[in-house]
Amino acid sequence: MQFSLYIISTPIGNLKDITKRAIEILGEVDYVLCEDTRVSSKLLQNLGLKVKFIVYNDHNASEIIPHVLNLISEKNAVFALISDAGTPLVSDPGYKLVNTCIKNDIKYTVIPGACSVISALTLSGLPSDKFSFIGFADIKKFEEFENVNSTLIFFESPNRILKTLQNMKIYFKNRLIAIVREITKVYEEVLRGDIDFLIDHFSKNPPKGEFVILVSPPIQDDNEKINSLKPLINALFDKFSKKDLSDLLSKCFKISKNSLYNFLLNYKGEKDD
């Protein structure tokens, strides 16, 4: 085979979402590195494949990686790395193995496929031009992301979802939230609304399944943006015409030219008073 390590995406719910190339490679490698043999064996049995599993996770990575290196160097063994669901290296220790391959000039590649982060973003309807994947929600760190100007993506479990939303309310109160659960499964669901709506929903409906929480970028209308720019406007007001200043600020801060121009008309009156 061309590579010593294949990083293979597996289905996140619907077993039909595995690619033909992934099935082909899984049937040819010598060993499959997985998080939990009980989970991965169900997938491989469904595909009609018999493989040799090696458990690889956060707890044993330091022991397994040298073993993998030895098998590659001494027996020219070929490995596949899979996670319980989705794309490896997303919230799992696969990056440690990849870094080891880089340091030892071991050839590796990826077999792309299902990814819950991208699938949830696609389903959410929230801005997708910029997004930040945070991983599993940590209520102690929400303050760090309060002013991040992108869609935020978190993983969460059903037993923690309500508490997490209640803590998010402190920092993300005026932002649109989308919660996606059971992606690609029979009970796939997307809920959108403010945090109060979602807290009320999960207070009345016991949460089930695996959750992805998406938080919209900070919502700020033109008036709020313009008010925040008053010190700059004051410094530039006498140096530009109203039209030129509104054009300049519009380009720099993505604000409507009309809103800026109308503000500048009134602002001169304020300066003259």
C-alpha atoms as a PDB file:
ATOM      1  CA  MET A   1       0.000   0.000   0.000  1.00  0.00           C
ATOM      2  CA  GLN A   2       1.111   3.568  -0.650  1.00  0.00           C
ATOM      3  CA  PHE A   3       0.855   4.809   2.957  1.00  0.00           C
ATOM      4  CA  SER A   4       1.663   3.406   6.401  1.00  0.00           C
ATOM      5  CA  LEU A   5      -1.227   5.183   8.125  1.00  0.00           C
ATOM      6  CA  TYR A   6      -4.713   5.898   6.789  1.00  0.00           C
ATOM      7  CA  ILE A   7      -6.889   8.298   8.811  1.00  0.00           C
ATOM      8  CA  ILE A   8     -10.409   7.139   8.002  1.00  0.00           C
ATOM      9  CA  SER A   9     -13.706   8.898   8.676  1.00  0.00           C
ATOM     10  CA  THR A  10     -16.557   6.626   9.751  1.00  0.00           C
ATOM     11  CA  PRO A  11     -20.340   7.234   9.896  1.00  0.00           C
ATOM     12  CA  ILE A  12     -21.738   9.459  12.665  1.00  0.00           C
ATOM     13  CA  GLY A  13     -25.078   7.668  12.697  1.00  0.00           C
ATOM     14  CA  ASN A  14     -26.231   6.214   9.400  1.00  0.00           C
ATOM     15  CA  LEU A  15     -23.925   3.304   8.524  1.00  0.00           C
ATOM     16  CA  LYS A  16     -24.514   3.909   4.815  1.00  0.00           C
ATOM     17  CA  ASP A  17     -22.468   7.106   5.037  1.00  0.00           C
ATOM     18  CA  ILE A  18     -19.118   5.318   4.821  1.00  0.00           C
ATOM     19  CA  THR A  19     -17.275   5.743   1.501  1.00  0.00           C
ATOM     20  CA  LYS A  20     -16.283   2.994  -0.898  1.00  0.00           C
ATOM     21  CA  ARG A  21     -12.651   3.993  -0.546  1.00  0.00           C
ATOM     22  CA  ALA A  22     -12.867   3.733   3.254  1.00  0.00           C
ATOM     23  CA  ILE A  23     -14.290   0.193   2.987  1.00  0.00           C
ATOM     24  CA  GLU A  24     -11.579  -0.788   0.521  1.00  0.00           C
ATOM     25  CA  ILE A  25      -8.735   0.491   2.716  1.00  0.00           C
ATOM     26  CA  LEU A  26     -10.163  -1.012   5.912  1.00  0.00           C
ATOM     27  CA  GLY A  27     -10.194  -4.383   4.166  1.00  0.00           C
ATOM     28  CA  GLU A  28      -6.527  -4.101   3.185  1.00  0.00           C
ATOM     29  CA  VAL A  29      -4.706  -2.709   6.237  1.00  0.00           C
ATOM     30  CA  ASP A  30      -2.932  -4.917   8.769  1.00  0.00           C
ATOM     31  CA  TYR A  31      -4.291  -3.235  11.884  1.00  0.00           C
ATOM     32  CA  VAL A  32      -7.117  -0.855  12.788  1.00  0.00           C
ATOM     33  CA  LEU A  33      -6.512   1.605  15.617  1.00  0.00           C
ATOM     34  CA  CYS A  34      -9.813   2.391  17.348  1.00  0.00           C
ATOM     35  CA  GLU A  35     -11.180   4.011  20.504  1.00  0.00           C
ATOM     36  CA  ASP A  36     -13.475   1.176  21.562  1.00  0.00           C
ATOM     37  CA  THR A  37     -13.521  -2.284  19.955  1.00  0.00           C
ATOM     38  CA  ARG A  38     -17.174  -2.765  20.978  1.00  0.00           C
ATOM     39  CA  VAL A  39     -18.223   0.225  18.899  1.00  0.00           C
ATOM     40  CA  SER A  40     -15.894  -0.305  15.939  1.00  0.00           C
ATOM     41  CA  SER A  41     -16.522  -4.049  15.652  1.00  0.00           C
ATOM     42  CA  LYS A  42     -20.217  -3.359  14.964  1.00  0.00           C
ATOM     43  CA  LEU A  43     -19.292  -1.197  11.984  1.00  0.00           C
ATOM     44  CA  LEU A  44     -16.717  -3.608  10.600  1.00  0.00           C
ATOM     45  CA  GLN A  45     -19.053  -6.585  11.029  1.00  0.00           C
ATOM     46  CA  ASN A  46     -21.762  -4.644   9.185  1.00  0.00           C
ATOM     47  CA  LEU A  47     -19.270  -4.169   6.344  1.00  0.00           C
ATOM     48  CA  GLY A  48     -18.372  -7.856   6.379  1.00  0.00           C
ATOM     49  CA  LEU A  49     -14.752  -7.164   7.336  1.00  0.00           C
ATOM     50  CA  LYS A  50     -12.541  -8.983   9.811  1.00  0.00           C
ATOM     51  CA  VAL A  51      -9.686  -6.877  11.127  1.00  0.00           C
ATOM     52  CA  LYS A  52      -7.089  -6.836  13.888  1.00  0.00           C
ATOM     53  CA  PHE A  53      -7.954  -4.097  16.345  1.00  0.00           C
ATOM     54  CA  ILE A  54      -5.565  -2.162  18.550  1.00  0.00           C
ATOM     55  CA  VAL A  55      -7.190   0.128  21.109  1.00  0.00           C
ATOM     56  CA  TYR A  56      -5.770   3.650  20.911  1.00  0.00           C
ATOM     57  CA  ASN A  57      -7.065   6.430  23.162  1.00  0.00           C
ATOM     58  CA  ASP A  58      -6.030   9.271  25.469  1.00  0.00           C
ATOM     59  CA  HIS A  59      -5.091   6.871  28.236  1.00  0.00           C
ATOM     60  CA  ASN A  60      -2.713   4.596  26.329  1.00  0.00           C
ATOM     61  CA  ALA A  61      -1.394   6.801  23.491  1.00  0.00           C
ATOM     62  CA  SER A  62       2.119   7.005  24.982  1.00  0.00           C
ATOM     63  CA  GLU A  63       2.324   3.188  25.024  1.00  0.00           C
ATOM     64  CA  ILE A  64       0.661   2.431  21.700  1.00  0.00           C
ATOM     65  CA  ILE A  65       2.532   4.925  19.515  1.00  0.00           C
ATOM     66  CA  PRO A  66       5.990   3.282  20.024  1.00  0.00           C
ATOM     67  CA  HIS A  67       4.358  -0.097  19.344  1.00  0.00           C
ATOM     68  CA  VAL A  68       2.899   1.232  16.078  1.00  0.00           C
ATOM     69  CA  LEU A  69       6.302   2.640  15.061  1.00  0.00           C
ATOM     70  CA  ASN A  70       7.983  -0.696  15.698  1.00  0.00           C
ATOM     71  CA  LEU A  71       5.437  -2.597  13.609  1.00  0.00           C
ATOM     72  CA  ILE A  72       5.818  -0.116  10.754  1.00  0.00           C
ATOM     73  CA  SER A  73       9.632  -0.166  10.780  1.00  0.00           C
ATOM     74  CA  GLU A  74      10.148  -3.882  11.453  1.00  0.00           C
ATOM     75  CA  LYS A  75       7.215  -5.484   9.615  1.00  0.00           C
ATOM     76  CA  ASN A  76       6.211  -2.735   7.178  1.00  0.00           C
ATOM     77  CA  ALA A  77       2.761  -2.885   8.769  1.00  0.00           C
ATOM     78  CA  VAL A  78      -0.059  -0.660   7.523  1.00  0.00           C
ATOM     79  CA  PHE A  79      -2.544   0.950   9.923  1.00  0.00           C
ATOM     80  CA  ALA A  80      -5.955   2.558   9.737  1.00  0.00           C
ATOM     81  CA  LEU A  81      -6.979   5.052  12.421  1.00  0.00           C
ATOM     82  CA  ILE A  82     -10.700   5.406  13.112  1.00  0.00           C
ATOM     83  CA  SER A  83     -12.763   6.996  15.890  1.00  0.00           C
ATOM     84  CA  ASP A  84     -16.047   5.796  17.364  1.00  0.00           C
ATOM     85  CA  ALA A  85     -17.828   8.070  14.898  1.00  0.00           C
ATOM     86  CA  GLY A  86     -16.866  10.751  12.404  1.00  0.00           C
ATOM     87  CA  THR A  87     -13.444  12.097  11.520  1.00  0.00           C
ATOM     88  CA  PRO A  88     -10.439  11.151  13.692  1.00  0.00           C
ATOM     89  CA  LEU A  89      -8.366  13.925  15.323  1.00  0.00           C
ATOM     90  CA  VAL A  90     -11.524  15.948  16.082  1.00  0.00           C
ATOM     91  CA  SER A  91     -11.566  15.872  19.905  1.00  0.00           C
ATOM     92  CA  ASP A  92      -9.455  12.718  20.091  1.00  0.00           C
ATOM     93  CA  PRO A  93      -5.704  11.961  20.490  1.00  0.00           C
ATOM     94  CA  GLY A  94      -5.074  11.098  16.837  1.00  0.00           C
ATOM     95  CA  TYR A  95      -2.980  14.243  16.355  1.00  0.00           C
ATOM     96  CA  LYS A  96      -0.277  12.727  18.597  1.00  0.00           C
ATOM     97  CA  LEU A  97       0.089   9.809  16.207  1.00  0.00           C
ATOM     98  CA  VAL A  98       0.123  12.106  13.170  1.00  0.00           C
ATOM     99  CA  ASN A  99       2.843  14.275  14.742  1.00  0.00           C
ATOM    100  CA  THR A 100       4.892  11.145  15.379  1.00  0.00           C
ATOM    101  CA  CYS A 101       4.512  10.163  11.719  1.00  0.00           C
ATOM    102  CA  ILE A 102       5.717  13.616  10.661  1.00  0.00           C
ATOM    103  CA  LYS A 103       8.785  13.430  12.918  1.00  0.00           C
ATOM    104  CA  ASN A 104       9.673   9.946  11.643  1.00  0.00           C
ATOM    105  CA  ASP A 105       8.996  10.575   7.931  1.00  0.00           C
ATOM    106  CA  ILE A 106       6.179   8.026   7.900  1.00  0.00           C
ATOM    107  CA  LYS A 107       3.752   8.469   5.028  1.00  0.00           C
ATOM    108  CA  TYR A 108       0.111   9.001   5.985  1.00  0.00           C
ATOM    109  CA  THR A 109      -3.075  10.252   4.369  1.00  0.00           C
ATOM    110  CA  VAL A 110      -6.759  10.876   5.109  1.00  0.00           C
ATOM    111  CA  ILE A 111      -9.854   9.167   3.741  1.00  0.00           C
ATOM    112  CA  PRO A 112     -12.436  11.960   4.199  1.00  0.00           C
ATOM    113  CA  GLY A 113     -16.041  11.413   5.128  1.00  0.00           C
ATOM    114  CA  ALA A 114     -18.611  12.184   7.805  1.00  0.00           C
ATOM    115  CA  CYS A 115     -17.858  14.923  10.346  1.00  0.00           C
ATOM    116  CA  SER A 116     -20.411  16.002  12.953  1.00  0.00           C
ATOM    117  CA  VAL A 117     -18.915  19.505  13.221  1.00  0.00           C
ATOM    118  CA  ILE A 118     -19.418  20.315   9.529  1.00  0.00           C
ATOM    119  CA  SER A 119     -22.744  18.488   9.347  1.00  0.00           C
ATOM    120  CA  ALA A 120     -24.114  20.439  12.313  1.00  0.00           C
ATOM    121  CA  LEU A 121     -22.899  23.733  10.862  1.00  0.00           C
ATOM    122  CA  THR A 122     -24.611  22.892   7.577  1.00  0.00           C
ATOM    123  CA  LEU A 123     -27.885  22.048   9.323  1.00  0.00           C
ATOM    124  CA  SER A 124     -27.843  24.991  11.739  1.00  0.00           C
ATOM    125  CA  GLY A 125     -28.451  27.828   9.288  1.00  0.00           C
ATOM    126  CA  LEU A 126     -25.948  29.982  11.220  1.00  0.00           C
ATOM    127  CA  PRO A 127     -23.160  31.934   9.469  1.00  0.00           C
ATOM    128  CA  SER A 128     -20.637  29.477   8.064  1.00  0.00           C
ATOM    129  CA  ASP A 129     -18.088  31.861   6.541  1.00  0.00           C
ATOM    130  CA  LYS A 130     -16.219  31.903   9.867  1.00  0.00           C
ATOM    131  CA  PHE A 131     -16.572  29.335  12.634  1.00  0.00           C
ATOM    132  CA  SER A 132     -14.610  28.156  15.660  1.00  0.00           C
ATOM    133  CA  PHE A 133     -14.775  24.563  16.866  1.00  0.00           C
ATOM    134  CA  ILE A 134     -14.263  24.596  20.634  1.00  0.00           C
ATOM    135  CA  GLY A 135     -14.792  20.908  21.433  1.00  0.00           C
ATOM    136  CA  PHE A 136     -16.614  19.651  24.506  1.00  0.00           C
ATOM    137  CA  ALA A 137     -18.222  22.527  26.384  1.00  0.00           C
ATOM    138  CA  ASP A 138     -16.333  23.786  29.432  1.00  0.00           C
ATOM    139  CA  ILE A 139     -18.467  26.219  31.422  1.00  0.00           C
ATOM    140  CA  LYS A 140     -15.358  27.698  33.052  1.00  0.00           C
ATOM    141  CA  LYS A 141     -14.075  28.960  29.687  1.00  0.00           C
ATOM    142  CA  PHE A 142     -17.186  30.514  28.111  1.00  0.00           C
ATOM    143  CA  GLU A 143     -15.993  34.017  28.972  1.00  0.00           C
ATOM    144  CA  GLU A 144     -13.013  33.523  26.598  1.00  0.00           C
ATOM    145  CA  PHE A 145     -15.390  33.232  23.654  1.00  0.00           C
ATOM    146  CA  GLU A 146     -17.869  35.979  24.552  1.00  0.00           C
ATOM    147  CA  ASN A 147     -16.573  38.406  21.909  1.00  0.00           C
ATOM    148  CA  VAL A 148     -15.308  35.973  19.270  1.00  0.00           C
ATOM    149  CA  ASN A 149     -16.781  37.128  15.964  1.00  0.00           C
ATOM    150  CA  SER A 150     -17.610  33.753  14.464  1.00  0.00           C
ATOM    151  CA  THR A 151     -20.048  30.905  14.905  1.00  0.00           C
ATOM    152  CA  LEU A 152     -18.976  28.816  17.906  1.00  0.00           C
ATOM    153  CA  ILE A 153     -19.390  25.034  17.876  1.00  0.00           C
ATOM    154  CA  PHE A 154     -19.458  22.862  21.004  1.00  0.00           C
ATOM    155  CA  PHE A 155     -20.036  19.170  21.713  1.00  0.00           C
ATOM    156  CA  GLU A 156     -22.236  18.257  24.672  1.00  0.00           C
ATOM    157  CA  SER A 157     -23.831  15.200  26.281  1.00  0.00           C
ATOM    158  CA  PRO A 158     -27.548  14.884  27.124  1.00  0.00           C
ATOM    159  CA  ASN A 159     -26.995  14.827  30.893  1.00  0.00           C
ATOM    160  CA  ARG A 160     -25.133  18.173  30.785  1.00  0.00           C
ATOM    161  CA  ILE A 161     -26.989  20.084  28.060  1.00  0.00           C
ATOM    162  CA  LEU A 162     -29.382  21.984  30.366  1.00  0.00           C
ATOM    163  CA  LYS A 163     -26.652  23.095  32.786  1.00  0.00           C
ATOM    164  CA  THR A 164     -24.454  24.148  29.870  1.00  0.00           C
ATOM    165  CA  LEU A 165     -27.224  26.297  28.362  1.00  0.00           C
ATOM    166  CA  GLN A 166     -27.900  27.922  31.719  1.00  0.00           C
ATOM    167  CA  ASN A 167     -24.228  28.900  31.968  1.00  0.00           C
ATOM    168  CA  MET A 168     -24.110  30.043  28.343  1.00  0.00           C
ATOM    169  CA  LYS A 169     -26.924  32.474  29.118  1.00  0.00           C
ATOM    170  CA  ILE A 170     -24.465  34.591  31.109  1.00  0.00           C
ATOM    171  CA  TYR A 171     -22.171  35.179  28.123  1.00  0.00           C
ATOM    172  CA  PHE A 172     -24.298  34.550  25.001  1.00  0.00           C
ATOM    173  CA  LYS A 173     -27.715  35.883  26.067  1.00  0.00           C
ATOM    174  CA  ASN A 174     -28.511  37.915  22.935  1.00  0.00           C
ATOM    175  CA  ARG A 175     -27.214  35.427  20.389  1.00  0.00           C
ATOM    176  CA  LEU A 176     -29.046  32.907  18.253  1.00  0.00           C
ATOM    177  CA  ILE A 177     -28.430  29.290  19.266  1.00  0.00           C
ATOM    178  CA  ALA A 178     -28.873  26.139  17.210  1.00  0.00           C
ATOM    179  CA  ILE A 179     -28.800  22.685  18.764  1.00  0.00           C
ATOM    180  CA  VAL A 180     -28.408  19.703  16.479  1.00  0.00           C
ATOM    181  CA  ARG A 181     -28.805  16.170  17.738  1.00  0.00           C
ATOM    182  CA  GLU A 182     -28.763  12.632  16.370  1.00  0.00           C
ATOM    183  CA  ILE A 183     -27.255  13.751  13.050  1.00  0.00           C
ATOM    184  CA  THR A 184     -28.078  11.372  10.145  1.00  0.00           C
ATOM    185  CA  LYS A 185     -30.159   9.163  12.457  1.00  0.00           C
ATOM    186  CA  VAL A 186     -33.906   8.528  12.485  1.00  0.00           C
ATOM    187  CA  TYR A 187     -34.570  11.166  15.161  1.00  0.00           C
ATOM    188  CA  GLU A 188     -32.316  13.882  13.754  1.00  0.00           C
ATOM    189  CA  GLU A 189     -33.465  17.253  15.066  1.00  0.00           C
ATOM    190  CA  VAL A 190     -32.430  20.902  14.724  1.00  0.00           C
ATOM    191  CA  LEU A 191     -33.682  23.444  17.268  1.00  0.00           C
ATOM    192  CA  ARG A 192     -33.065  27.180  16.792  1.00  0.00           C
ATOM    193  CA  GLY A 193     -33.845  30.106  19.037  1.00  0.00           C
ATOM    194  CA  ASP A 194     -32.569  32.184  21.914  1.00  0.00           C
ATOM    195  CA  ILE A 195     -31.159  30.553  25.029  1.00  0.00           C
ATOM    196  CA  ASP A 196     -34.326  31.082  27.089  1.00  0.00           C
ATOM    197  CA  PHE A 197     -36.370  29.162  24.509  1.00  0.00           C
ATOM    198  CA  LEU A 198     -33.908  26.260  24.502  1.00  0.00           C
ATOM    199  CA  ILE A 199     -33.626  26.131  28.297  1.00  0.00           C
ATOM    200  CA  ASP A 200     -37.420  26.001  28.496  1.00  0.00           C
ATOM    201  CA  HIS A 201     -37.550  23.277  25.824  1.00  0.00           C
ATOM    202  CA  PHE A 202     -35.075  20.962  27.534  1.00  0.00           C
ATOM    203  CA  SER A 203     -36.616  21.629  30.947  1.00  0.00           C
ATOM    204  CA  LYS A 204     -39.856  20.150  29.591  1.00  0.00           C
ATOM    205  CA  ASN A 205     -38.368  17.548  27.206  1.00  0.00           C
ATOM    206  CA  PRO A 206     -35.685  15.231  28.644  1.00  0.00           C
ATOM    207  CA  PRO A 207     -32.672  15.478  26.293  1.00  0.00           C
ATOM    208  CA  LYS A 208     -31.629  12.339  24.432  1.00  0.00           C
ATOM    209  CA  GLY A 209     -28.835  11.609  21.956  1.00  0.00           C
ATOM    210  CA  GLU A 210     -25.568  13.294  21.093  1.00  0.00           C
ATOM    211  CA  PHE A 211     -25.630  17.097  20.872  1.00  0.00           C
ATOM    212  CA  VAL A 212     -23.798  19.783  18.943  1.00  0.00           C
ATOM    213  CA  ILE A 213     -24.408  23.352  20.162  1.00  0.00           C
ATOM    214  CA  LEU A 214     -23.821  26.242  17.759  1.00  0.00           C
ATOM    215  CA  VAL A 215     -23.737  29.868  18.897  1.00  0.00           C
ATOM    216  CA  SER A 216     -24.109  32.672  16.355  1.00  0.00           C
ATOM    217  CA  PRO A 217     -21.580  35.525  16.148  1.00  0.00           C
ATOM    218  CA  PRO A 218     -22.375  38.549  18.343  1.00  0.00           C
ATOM    219  CA  ILE A 219     -25.468  40.290  17.006  1.00  0.00           C
ATOM    220  CA  GLN A 220     -24.877  44.012  16.632  1.00  0.00           C
ATOM    221  CA  ASP A 221     -27.020  46.357  14.563  1.00  0.00           C
ATOM    222  CA  ASP A 222     -25.701  49.387  12.658  1.00  0.00           C
ATOM    223  CA  ASN A 223     -26.665  51.829  15.406  1.00  0.00           C
ATOM    224  CA  GLU A 224     -24.689  49.912  18.014  1.00  0.00           C
ATOM    225  CA  LYS A 225     -21.664  49.742  15.715  1.00  0.00           C
ATOM    226  CA  ILE A 226     -21.844  53.443  14.915  1.00  0.00           C
ATOM    227  CA  ASN A 227     -22.151  54.411  18.583  1.00  0.00           C
ATOM    228  CA  SER A 228     -19.034  52.393  19.358  1.00  0.00           C
ATOM    229  CA  LEU A 229     -17.175  54.407  16.698  1.00  0.00           C
ATOM    230  CA  LYS A 230     -18.022  57.866  18.096  1.00  0.00           C
ATOM    231  CA  PRO A 231     -14.477  58.608  19.302  1.00  0.00           C
ATOM    232  CA  LEU A 232     -13.107  57.813  15.834  1.00  0.00           C
ATOM    233  CA  ILE A 233     -15.863  59.791  14.120  1.00  0.00           C
ATOM    234  CA  ASN A 234     -15.133  62.763  16.344  1.00  0.00           C
ATOM    235  CA  ALA A 235     -11.432  62.669  15.387  1.00  0.00           C
ATOM    236  CA  LEU A 236     -12.148  62.402  11.648  1.00  0.00           C
ATOM    237  CA  PHE A 237     -15.280  64.508  11.362  1.00  0.00           C
ATOM    238  CA  ASP A 238     -13.571  67.763  10.284  1.00  0.00           C
ATOM    239  CA  LYS A 239     -11.076  66.025   8.001  1.00  0.00           C
ATOM    240  CA  PHE A 240     -13.556  64.451   5.550  1.00  0.00           C
ATOM    241  CA  SER A 241     -16.837  65.319   3.916  1.00  0.00           C
ATOM    242  CA  LYS A 242     -19.831  63.433   5.288  1.00  0.00           C
ATOM    243  CA  LYS A 243     -20.012  61.369   2.104  1.00  0.00           C
ATOM    244  CA  ASP A 244     -16.312  60.445   2.146  1.00  0.00           C
ATOM    245  CA  LEU A 245     -16.341  59.657   5.842  1.00  0.00           C
ATOM    246  CA  SER A 246     -19.413  57.460   5.527  1.00  0.00           C
ATOM    247  CA  ASP A 247     -17.786  55.652   2.566  1.00  0.00           C
ATOM    248  CA  LEU A 248     -14.572  55.099   4.533  1.00  0.00           C
ATOM    249  CA  LEU A 249     -16.239  53.821   7.691  1.00  0.00           C
ATOM    250  CA  SER A 250     -18.612  51.623   5.700  1.00  0.00           C
ATOM    251  CA  LYS A 251     -15.718  49.843   3.997  1.00  0.00           C
ATOM    252  CA  CYS A 252     -13.687  49.469   7.197  1.00  0.00           C
ATOM    253  CA  PHE A 253     -16.475  48.362   9.547  1.00  0.00           C
ATOM    254  CA  LYS A 254     -19.097  46.783   7.269  1.00  0.00           C
ATOM    255  CA  ILE A 255     -21.820  49.305   8.151  1.00  0.00           C
ATOM    256  CA  SER A 256     -24.528  50.635   5.842  1.00  0.00           C
ATOM    257  CA  LYS A 257     -23.451  53.867   4.087  1.00  0.00           C
ATOM    258  CA  ASN A 258     -26.953  55.282   4.478  1.00  0.00           C
ATOM    259  CA  SER A 259     -26.964  54.607   8.231  1.00  0.00           C
ATOM    260  CA  LEU A 260     -23.588  56.282   8.593  1.00  0.00           C
ATOM    261  CA  TYR A 261     -24.508  59.293   6.464  1.00  0.00           C
ATOM    262  CA  ASN A 262     -27.766  59.843   8.370  1.00  0.00           C
ATOM    263  CA  PHE A 263     -25.865  59.621  11.638  1.00  0.00           C
ATOM    264  CA  LEU A 264     -23.272  62.154  10.434  1.00  0.00           C
ATOM    265  CA  LEU A 265     -26.017  64.629   9.484  1.00  0.00           C
ATOM    266  CA  ASN A 266     -27.314  64.563  13.057  1.00  0.00           C
ATOM    267  CA  TYR A 267     -23.840  64.383  14.542  1.00  0.00           C
ATOM    268  CA  LYS A 268     -22.871  67.787  13.133  1.00  0.00           C
ATOM    269  CA  GLY A 269     -25.881  69.215  14.908  1.00  0.00           C
ATOM    270  CA  GLU A 270     -24.593  67.704  18.146  1.00  0.00           C
ATOM    271  CA  LYS A 271     -21.169  69.258  17.635  1.00  0.00           C
ATOM    272  CA  ASP A 272     -22.650  72.708  16.968  1.00  0.00           C
ATOM    273  CA  ASP A 273     -24.808  72.679  20.118  1.00  0.00           C
END
